[in-house]
Protein backbone atom coordinates (compact mmCIF):
# COMPACT_ATOMS: atom_id res chain seq x y z
CA MET A 1 0.00 0.00 0.00
CA THR A 2 1.45 3.33 -1.03
CA GLU A 3 0.28 6.58 0.49
CA VAL A 4 0.92 9.98 -1.05
CA ALA A 5 0.16 13.21 0.79
CA THR A 6 -0.21 16.29 -1.33
CA PRO A 7 0.01 19.89 -0.11
CA ARG A 8 -3.23 21.27 1.26
CA SER A 9 -4.71 17.80 1.39
CA HIS A 10 -6.36 15.98 4.25
CA GLY A 11 -6.99 12.38 4.84
CA VAL A 12 -7.81 9.47 7.00
CA THR A 13 -6.66 5.93 6.95
CA GLY A 14 -8.60 3.03 8.19
CA LYS A 15 -9.24 -0.73 8.60
CA HIS A 16 -12.49 -1.55 11.03
CA THR A 17 -15.13 -0.13 15.78
CA ASN A 18 -17.67 1.64 17.19
CA GLY A 19 -16.35 4.75 18.84
CA GLU A 20 -16.18 8.49 18.69
CA PRO A 21 -13.42 10.81 19.84
CA ARG A 22 -13.97 12.57 23.12
CA ARG A 23 -11.89 15.60 22.14
CA ARG A 24 -11.92 17.10 18.71
CA HIS A 25 -8.88 16.23 16.63
CA ARG A 26 -7.65 19.35 14.86
CA SER A 27 -5.60 18.73 11.75
CA ARG A 28 -2.44 20.65 11.08
CA ARG A 29 -3.28 22.70 8.04
CA VAL A 30 -3.87 19.63 5.92
CA VAL A 31 -4.77 16.10 6.72
CA PRO A 32 -4.00 13.54 4.17
CA LEU A 33 -5.09 10.41 2.85
CA VAL A 34 -7.37 7.75 4.06
CA THR A 35 -6.77 4.07 4.17
CA TRP A 36 -9.62 1.86 5.36
CA THR A 37 -10.09 -1.84 5.78
CA HIS A 38 -13.68 -2.98 5.26
CA LEU A 39 -16.64 -0.63 5.47
CA VAL A 40 -16.04 2.45 7.58
CA THR A 41 -17.93 5.65 8.19
CA ILE A 42 -15.99 8.76 9.14
CA LEU A 43 -18.15 11.50 10.62
CA LEU A 44 -16.95 15.08 10.61
CA PHE A 45 -18.53 17.47 13.13
CA VAL A 46 -20.69 14.71 14.61
CA SER A 47 -21.34 14.65 18.30
CA ALA A 48 -19.79 11.77 20.18
CA LEU A 49 -21.18 8.55 21.54
CA GLY A 50 -21.95 6.97 24.84
CA PHE A 51 -21.82 7.94 28.47
CA VAL A 52 -19.00 9.87 30.11
CA LEU A 53 -18.01 8.41 33.44
CA THR A 54 -17.89 11.09 36.08
CA ARG A 55 -14.54 11.88 37.58
CA THR A 56 -16.07 11.22 40.97
CA ALA A 57 -16.91 7.64 40.03
CA ILE A 58 -13.50 7.05 38.51
CA ALA A 59 -11.68 8.55 41.47
CA ALA A 60 -13.75 6.45 43.88
CA SER A 61 -12.90 3.31 41.93
CA GLU A 62 -9.18 4.13 41.88
CA SER A 63 -9.25 4.87 45.62
CA GLN A 64 -10.85 1.52 46.32
CA GLN A 65 -8.18 -0.22 44.24
CA GLU A 66 -5.42 1.41 46.31
CA THR A 67 -7.16 0.34 49.50
CA ALA A 68 -7.56 -3.17 48.15
CA SER A 69 -3.84 -3.50 47.50
CA SER A 70 -3.11 -3.09 51.21
CA VAL A 71 -5.63 -5.58 52.58
CA GLU A 72 -5.69 -9.32 52.45
CA THR A 73 -9.36 -9.99 51.80
CA ILE A 74 -11.03 -8.46 48.76
CA THR A 75 -14.78 -8.14 49.23
CA PHE A 76 -17.69 -7.22 47.03
CA SER A 77 -19.00 -4.45 49.26
CA ARG A 78 -15.79 -2.52 49.70
CA HIS A 79 -13.74 -3.25 46.58
CA VAL A 80 -15.63 -4.87 43.70
CA ALA A 81 -18.92 -3.00 43.80
CA PRO A 82 -17.28 0.39 42.97
CA VAL A 83 -15.77 -1.19 39.83
CA LEU A 84 -19.11 -2.63 38.74
CA PHE A 85 -20.93 0.61 39.52
CA SER A 86 -18.48 2.63 37.44
CA HIS A 87 -18.23 0.37 34.41
CA CYS A 88 -20.96 -2.27 34.27
CA VAL A 89 -24.33 -1.42 35.78
CA ILE A 90 -25.28 1.08 33.08
CA CYS A 91 -26.22 -2.10 31.16
CA HIS A 92 -26.36 -4.73 33.93
CA ARG A 93 -29.44 -3.56 35.83
CA PRO A 94 -33.16 -4.26 35.70
CA GLY A 95 -34.77 -3.03 32.49
CA ALA A 96 -31.49 -2.43 30.64
CA VAL A 97 -30.01 -4.36 27.73
CA ALA A 98 -27.89 -6.87 29.68
CA PRO A 99 -29.49 -10.21 30.60
CA PHE A 100 -28.81 -9.92 34.34
CA SER A 101 -28.18 -7.30 37.01
CA LEU A 102 -24.95 -6.61 38.94
CA LEU A 103 -26.30 -4.01 41.34
CA THR A 104 -26.20 -6.19 44.45
CA TYR A 105 -24.04 -8.94 45.88
CA GLN A 106 -26.93 -11.37 45.47
CA ASP A 107 -27.08 -10.39 41.79
CA ALA A 108 -23.36 -10.67 41.16
CA ARG A 109 -22.30 -13.70 43.22
CA PRO A 110 -23.74 -16.39 40.88
CA TRP A 111 -21.82 -14.80 38.01
CA ALA A 112 -18.49 -14.42 39.83
CA ARG A 113 -16.48 -16.87 37.71
CA ALA A 114 -18.00 -15.51 34.51
CA ILE A 115 -17.15 -11.96 35.61
CA LYS A 116 -13.53 -12.97 36.17
CA GLN A 117 -13.28 -14.75 32.81
CA THR A 118 -14.91 -12.03 30.74
CA THR A 119 -12.96 -9.22 32.37
CA GLN A 120 -9.63 -11.01 31.96
CA THR A 121 -10.33 -11.61 28.27
CA ARG A 122 -11.69 -8.05 28.01
CA THR A 123 -14.93 -9.40 26.58
CA MET A 124 -16.60 -7.26 29.22
CA PRO A 125 -17.09 -4.40 29.40
CA PRO A 126 -17.55 -4.56 25.61
CA TRP A 127 -15.00 -2.01 24.47
CA LYS A 128 -12.88 -3.00 21.48
CA PRO A 129 -10.63 -0.04 20.56
CA VAL A 130 -7.01 -0.67 21.54
CA PRO A 131 -5.72 1.93 24.04
CA GLY A 132 -3.10 4.29 22.69
CA LYS A 133 -4.00 3.59 19.07
CA GLY A 134 -6.86 6.04 18.64
CA GLY A 135 -9.20 8.16 20.70
CA PRO A 136 -9.66 9.01 23.48
CA PHE A 137 -13.34 8.22 23.10
CA VAL A 138 -16.51 9.29 24.85
CA GLY A 139 -18.01 6.49 26.89
CA GLU A 140 -14.91 4.33 27.30
CA ARG A 141 -15.69 1.51 29.72
CA ARG A 142 -12.33 -0.18 29.57
CA LEU A 143 -11.14 -1.67 32.86
CA SER A 144 -7.63 -0.93 34.04
CA ALA A 145 -5.19 -3.77 34.72
CA ALA A 146 -5.55 -3.04 38.44
CA GLU A 147 -9.34 -3.36 38.28
CA ILE A 148 -9.11 -6.67 36.39
CA ALA A 149 -6.63 -8.03 38.95
CA LEU A 150 -8.91 -6.85 41.77
CA VAL A 151 -11.89 -8.76 40.38
CA ALA A 152 -9.78 -11.89 39.85
CA LYS A 153 -8.45 -11.77 43.41
CA TRP A 154 -12.01 -11.41 44.74
CA VAL A 155 -13.17 -14.48 42.80
CA ASP A 156 -10.10 -16.53 43.70
CA GLY A 157 -10.72 -15.68 47.35
CA GLY A 158 -14.20 -17.16 47.27
CA ALA A 159 -16.05 -14.01 46.18
CA PRO A 160 -17.02 -12.89 49.71
CA GLU A 161 -19.59 -10.20 50.31
CA GLY A 162 -17.81 -8.41 53.15
CA ASP A 163 -19.46 -5.85 55.39
CA PRO A 164 -22.70 -4.69 53.68
CA THR A 165 -22.40 -1.33 55.43
CA LYS A 166 -19.29 -0.65 53.33
CA LEU A 167 -21.29 -0.95 50.12
CA PRO A 168 -21.38 2.42 48.31
CA SER A 169 -24.70 3.94 47.40
CA SER A 170 -26.18 2.65 44.18
CA PRO A 171 -25.35 5.00 41.31
CA GLU A 172 -28.08 7.28 40.03
CA LEU A 173 -28.98 5.75 36.71
CA PRO A 174 -31.54 6.95 34.20
CA THR A 175 -34.72 4.92 33.83
CA GLY A 176 -36.82 4.82 30.70
CA TRP A 177 -35.38 7.32 28.26
CA GLN A 178 -31.66 7.77 28.87
CA LEU A 179 -31.46 11.32 27.46
CA GLY A 180 -34.57 12.62 29.20
CA GLU A 181 -38.16 12.83 28.03
CA PRO A 182 -38.20 13.22 24.23
CA ASP A 183 -40.26 15.85 22.45
CA LEU A 184 -41.68 13.27 20.04
CA VAL A 185 -41.89 9.46 20.13
CA VAL A 186 -42.33 7.40 16.97
CA GLY A 187 -42.97 3.69 17.47
CA MET A 188 -44.14 0.55 15.74
CA PRO A 189 -47.96 0.50 15.83
CA ALA A 190 -48.01 -3.27 16.24
CA PRO A 191 -45.45 -5.86 17.38
CA TYR A 192 -43.48 -7.80 14.82
CA THR A 193 -43.38 -11.54 15.58
CA LEU A 194 -39.95 -13.09 15.11
CA ARG A 195 -40.31 -16.83 14.70
CA ALA A 196 -38.16 -19.22 16.71
CA GLY A 197 -35.19 -20.82 15.00
CA ALA A 198 -35.33 -18.66 11.89
CA SER A 199 -32.23 -17.20 10.28
CA ASP A 200 -31.13 -13.63 10.90
CA GLN A 201 -33.48 -11.04 9.46
CA LEU A 202 -32.94 -7.53 8.19
CA ARG A 203 -36.44 -6.14 8.70
CA LYS A 204 -37.43 -2.57 7.79
CA PHE A 205 -40.33 -0.60 9.23
CA ALA A 206 -41.69 2.62 7.73
CA LEU A 207 -43.13 4.81 10.48
CA PRO A 208 -44.81 8.17 9.82
CA ILE A 209 -43.31 11.08 11.78
CA PRO A 210 -46.24 13.20 13.01
CA THR A 211 -45.00 16.76 12.62
CA SER A 212 -46.67 19.49 10.60
CA SER A 213 -43.79 21.95 10.54
CA VAL A 214 -40.03 21.97 10.07
CA ARG A 215 -38.21 20.72 13.15
CA PHE A 216 -34.54 20.82 14.05
CA ILE A 217 -33.33 17.64 15.71
CA ARG A 218 -30.51 17.64 18.24
CA GLY A 219 -30.67 13.93 18.93
CA VAL A 220 -32.58 10.66 18.80
CA GLU A 221 -32.75 7.73 21.19
CA PHE A 222 -33.63 4.21 20.11
CA GLN A 223 -35.37 1.72 22.39
CA PRO A 224 -35.22 -1.85 21.01
CA GLY A 225 -38.26 -3.15 22.86
CA ASN A 226 -36.67 -6.62 22.93
CA SER A 227 -32.92 -6.52 23.51
CA GLN A 228 -32.71 -10.33 23.28
CA VAL A 229 -33.10 -10.30 19.52
CA VAL A 230 -32.30 -6.78 18.25
CA HIS A 231 -28.66 -6.92 17.19
CA HIS A 232 -28.44 -3.35 15.92
CA ALA A 233 -30.56 -0.68 14.27
CA ASN A 234 -30.19 2.04 11.65
CA MET A 235 -32.57 4.98 11.41
CA LYS A 236 -33.11 6.79 8.12
CA ILE A 237 -35.43 9.57 7.01
CA ASP A 238 -37.58 9.13 3.89
CA PRO A 239 -39.23 12.33 2.61
CA SER A 240 -41.09 10.31 -0.04
CA SER A 241 -43.79 7.64 0.31
CA ALA A 242 -41.58 4.86 -1.11
CA SER A 243 -40.72 3.16 2.19
CA ARG A 244 -44.32 3.29 3.37
CA GLU A 245 -45.57 1.73 0.13
CA LEU A 246 -43.13 -1.17 0.44
CA ASP A 247 -44.19 -1.71 4.06
CA GLU A 248 -47.87 -1.71 3.13
CA GLN A 249 -47.32 -4.45 0.53
CA ASP A 250 -46.22 -6.91 3.23
CA PRO A 251 -49.06 -8.40 5.32
CA GLU A 252 -46.87 -8.40 8.43
CA PRO A 253 -45.41 -5.29 10.07
CA GLY A 254 -42.37 -4.10 8.15
CA TYR A 255 -40.85 -5.66 5.05
CA GLU A 256 -37.64 -7.24 3.78
CA GLY A 257 -36.02 -5.87 0.69
CA VAL A 258 -34.46 -2.79 -0.77
CA THR A 259 -34.01 0.55 0.90
CA PRO A 260 -35.57 3.25 -1.28
CA PHE A 261 -33.13 5.75 -2.73
CA ASP A 262 -34.81 8.65 -0.93
CA ALA A 263 -34.41 7.03 2.48
CA GLN A 264 -31.13 8.44 3.79
CA PHE A 265 -29.38 9.34 7.00
CA PRO A 266 -29.69 13.04 7.79
CA PHE A 267 -26.92 14.88 5.97
CA GLY A 268 -23.71 14.49 7.90
CA TYR A 269 -25.12 12.13 10.54
CA PHE A 270 -25.19 8.41 11.09
CA LEU A 271 -28.21 7.38 13.18
CA GLY A 272 -27.43 3.94 14.53
CA TRP A 273 -27.77 1.88 17.69
CA THR A 274 -25.93 -1.07 19.18
CA PRO A 275 -26.52 -2.55 22.66
CA GLY A 276 -25.32 -0.21 25.39
CA GLN A 277 -24.99 2.74 23.05
CA VAL A 278 -26.75 6.06 23.50
CA ARG A 279 -25.41 8.93 21.44
CA PRO A 280 -25.38 12.22 23.37
CA LEU A 281 -27.39 15.15 22.14
CA ALA A 282 -25.67 17.30 19.52
CA ALA A 283 -23.76 20.40 20.52
CA ASP A 284 -25.45 23.77 20.16
CA GLY A 285 -25.70 24.82 16.53
CA MET A 286 -25.40 21.28 15.17
CA ALA A 287 -29.01 20.09 14.89
CA TRP A 288 -30.30 18.58 11.65
CA GLN A 289 -33.47 19.51 9.80
CA LEU A 290 -36.57 17.30 9.72
CA ASN A 291 -39.22 18.29 7.17
CA PRO A 292 -42.95 17.60 7.65
CA GLY A 293 -44.42 14.60 5.89
CA SER A 294 -41.28 12.47 6.34
CA ASP A 295 -41.23 8.83 7.40
CA LEU A 296 -38.76 7.14 9.70
CA LEU A 297 -37.32 4.02 8.09
CA LEU A 298 -36.26 1.80 10.96
CA GLU A 299 -33.87 -0.94 9.84
CA LEU A 300 -33.46 -3.76 12.37
CA HIS A 301 -31.01 -6.63 12.31
CA LEU A 302 -32.86 -9.36 14.21
CA THR A 303 -31.25 -12.52 15.60
CA PRO A 304 -33.84 -15.21 16.46
CA ASN A 305 -33.40 -17.65 19.34
CA ASP A 306 -35.21 -20.85 20.29
CA GLN A 307 -38.39 -19.06 21.31
CA GLN A 308 -40.85 -16.89 19.41
CA GLN A 309 -40.23 -13.23 20.20
CA GLU A 310 -42.16 -10.02 19.73
CA VAL A 311 -40.40 -6.79 18.81
CA THR A 312 -41.92 -3.34 19.37
CA SER A 313 -39.21 -0.72 18.92
CA ARG A 314 -39.53 3.03 19.17
CA VAL A 315 -37.47 6.18 18.66
CA GLY A 316 -37.51 9.40 20.66
CA PHE A 317 -36.76 12.71 18.92
CA PHE A 318 -35.28 15.68 20.78
CA PHE A 319 -35.92 19.12 19.27
CA ALA A 320 -33.61 22.10 19.08
CA ASP A 321 -34.90 25.67 19.22
CA ALA A 322 -32.82 27.01 16.34
CA PRO A 323 -31.48 25.88 12.96
CA PRO A 324 -27.88 24.67 12.72
CA THR A 325 -24.94 27.01 12.34
CA GLN A 326 -22.53 24.15 11.56
CA VAL A 327 -23.25 21.35 9.10
CA PRO A 328 -21.29 18.10 9.38
CA PHE A 329 -20.19 15.97 6.47
CA THR A 330 -19.94 12.20 6.31
CA ILE A 331 -17.26 10.36 4.37
CA ARG A 332 -17.94 6.69 3.80
CA LEU A 333 -14.97 4.52 2.94
CA GLY A 334 -15.11 0.90 1.91
CA LYS A 335 -15.39 -1.46 -1.01
CA GLN A 336 -18.27 -3.61 -2.17
CA ASN A 337 -16.25 -5.68 -4.67
CA LEU A 338 -14.38 -7.88 -2.21
CA ASN A 339 -12.79 -10.87 -3.95
CA ILE A 340 -11.40 -13.10 -1.20
CA PRO A 341 -9.49 -16.10 -2.60
CA PRO A 342 -10.51 -19.56 -1.30
CA GLY A 343 -8.62 -20.46 1.84
CA ALA A 344 -7.26 -16.96 2.41
CA THR A 345 -6.75 -16.14 6.08
CA ALA A 346 -5.32 -12.62 5.92
CA TYR A 347 -7.21 -10.76 3.20
CA SER A 348 -6.98 -6.97 3.46
CA SER A 349 -9.31 -4.39 1.97
CA VAL A 350 -8.08 -0.80 1.98
CA ASP A 351 -9.74 2.48 1.06
CA ARG A 352 -8.58 6.08 1.42
CA TYR A 353 -9.57 9.65 0.70
CA VAL A 354 -7.57 12.85 0.38
CA LEU A 355 -9.31 15.72 2.15
CA PRO A 356 -9.12 19.11 0.41
CA VAL A 357 -9.47 21.25 3.56
CA ASP A 358 -8.73 21.24 7.27
CA VAL A 359 -11.28 19.22 9.25
CA GLU A 360 -12.22 18.25 12.78
CA VAL A 361 -12.97 14.55 13.10
CA ARG A 362 -15.88 14.17 15.50
CA GLY A 363 -16.74 10.52 15.02
CA ILE A 364 -15.68 7.28 13.40
CA GLN A 365 -17.71 4.08 13.04
CA PRO A 366 -16.44 0.90 11.36
CA HIS A 367 -18.90 -1.77 10.29
CA ALA A 368 -18.22 -5.36 9.25
CA HIS A 369 -20.92 -7.86 10.34
CA TYR A 370 -18.46 -10.50 11.62
CA LEU A 371 -16.49 -10.35 8.35
CA ALA A 372 -13.51 -8.49 9.73
CA LYS A 373 -10.76 -9.72 12.03
CA GLU A 374 -9.03 -6.40 12.47
CA ALA A 375 -10.07 -2.81 11.87
CA THR A 376 -7.76 0.17 11.70
CA GLY A 377 -8.33 3.83 10.88
CA ARG A 378 -5.59 6.43 10.70
CA ALA A 379 -4.85 9.88 9.32
CA MET A 380 -1.64 10.87 7.56
CA LEU A 381 -0.80 14.53 8.12
CA PRO A 382 0.95 16.65 5.48
CA ASP A 383 4.34 16.24 7.14
CA GLY A 384 4.00 12.45 6.93
CA THR A 385 3.02 11.97 10.57
CA VAL A 386 0.52 9.13 10.96
CA THR A 387 -2.14 9.71 13.62
CA PRO A 388 -4.11 6.61 14.70
CA LEU A 389 -7.87 7.18 14.88
CA ILE A 390 -9.06 3.73 15.90
CA THR A 391 -7.62 0.22 16.12
CA ILE A 392 -9.44 -3.05 16.81
CA THR A 393 -7.55 -6.33 16.74
CA ASP A 394 -10.35 -8.76 17.65
CA TRP A 395 -13.41 -7.67 15.71
CA ASP A 396 -16.40 -9.88 16.51
CA PHE A 397 -19.59 -7.86 16.02
């Protein structure tokens, strides 16, 4: 692979996860070229993703680790609970996307060995970007080596509860809508029945958006309705009736088939959801325009299990008071003509783009559907310096 940086050019280089920079990356006059492996979306001026852990929670966790290093017995109440509260219970709590809660000792104790295994392999918390090779990112839930060792020592010591009076207060976690009460909710009018044992489905639902005037949207929040089977979701806006007509032709809710040409992401934005992800509201001046008469095309990747499931998803819209003063731009890199030779174990697909102006990279989102093994995105600056944007060495989503 040869990379050439030209004066006044900008670029990004990439191979394939799901993350967005916490601080804006300002290019030095010109950013160069882009190399990408598999399908990647680079978002410029897009607000970042996830939850930001409070410094208080992080400091409390680090303090508990220091205390733990000086005592012989590691207990849930005093040492392990602060780690779980800081990194895990945003998903592992009643009503959230995880299949079980970790809020109490009684919740966590049956899963002690699994907690040790999944933290040591860094399967949990599910955060794939390699530290130091991109970011930092909003919503990082990566455990430190000290926290992983603390959990392992607790499990190896019999996973004791300790003194319940030493248990910190349960964190204040949002219930229902994570971003607050939305201004408008658009949902499926009837459940979709996903049959047991079927193959994966890519089901699309055209939902009218009931607004009679132009609205400016500073954010959306997706609720899957059934987190057991909703793998991920994309949300597009269709100003035409094409999506609705395709939906109406299918006797069941939704349809399978093509996405109409007019159904697009809002200009400069990628509206997607994966388990545990809630994109923060956009910064002031960065809302996008929603015109009256539009439909929401909700695209769901559904993964059936051994039982029949019902899916009733919905999307909350959050309005802004004023039109945008900054408009983001999305660059999509990737190739559709992959030709992987039989038996190949290290096939690489690379794409790149030379940017004509200075940019601020606000977000980056690779996508591969289990096809990738590694994903890397990087920017080459005009002086030849290579800046890593994101690196994932064990892609499995």
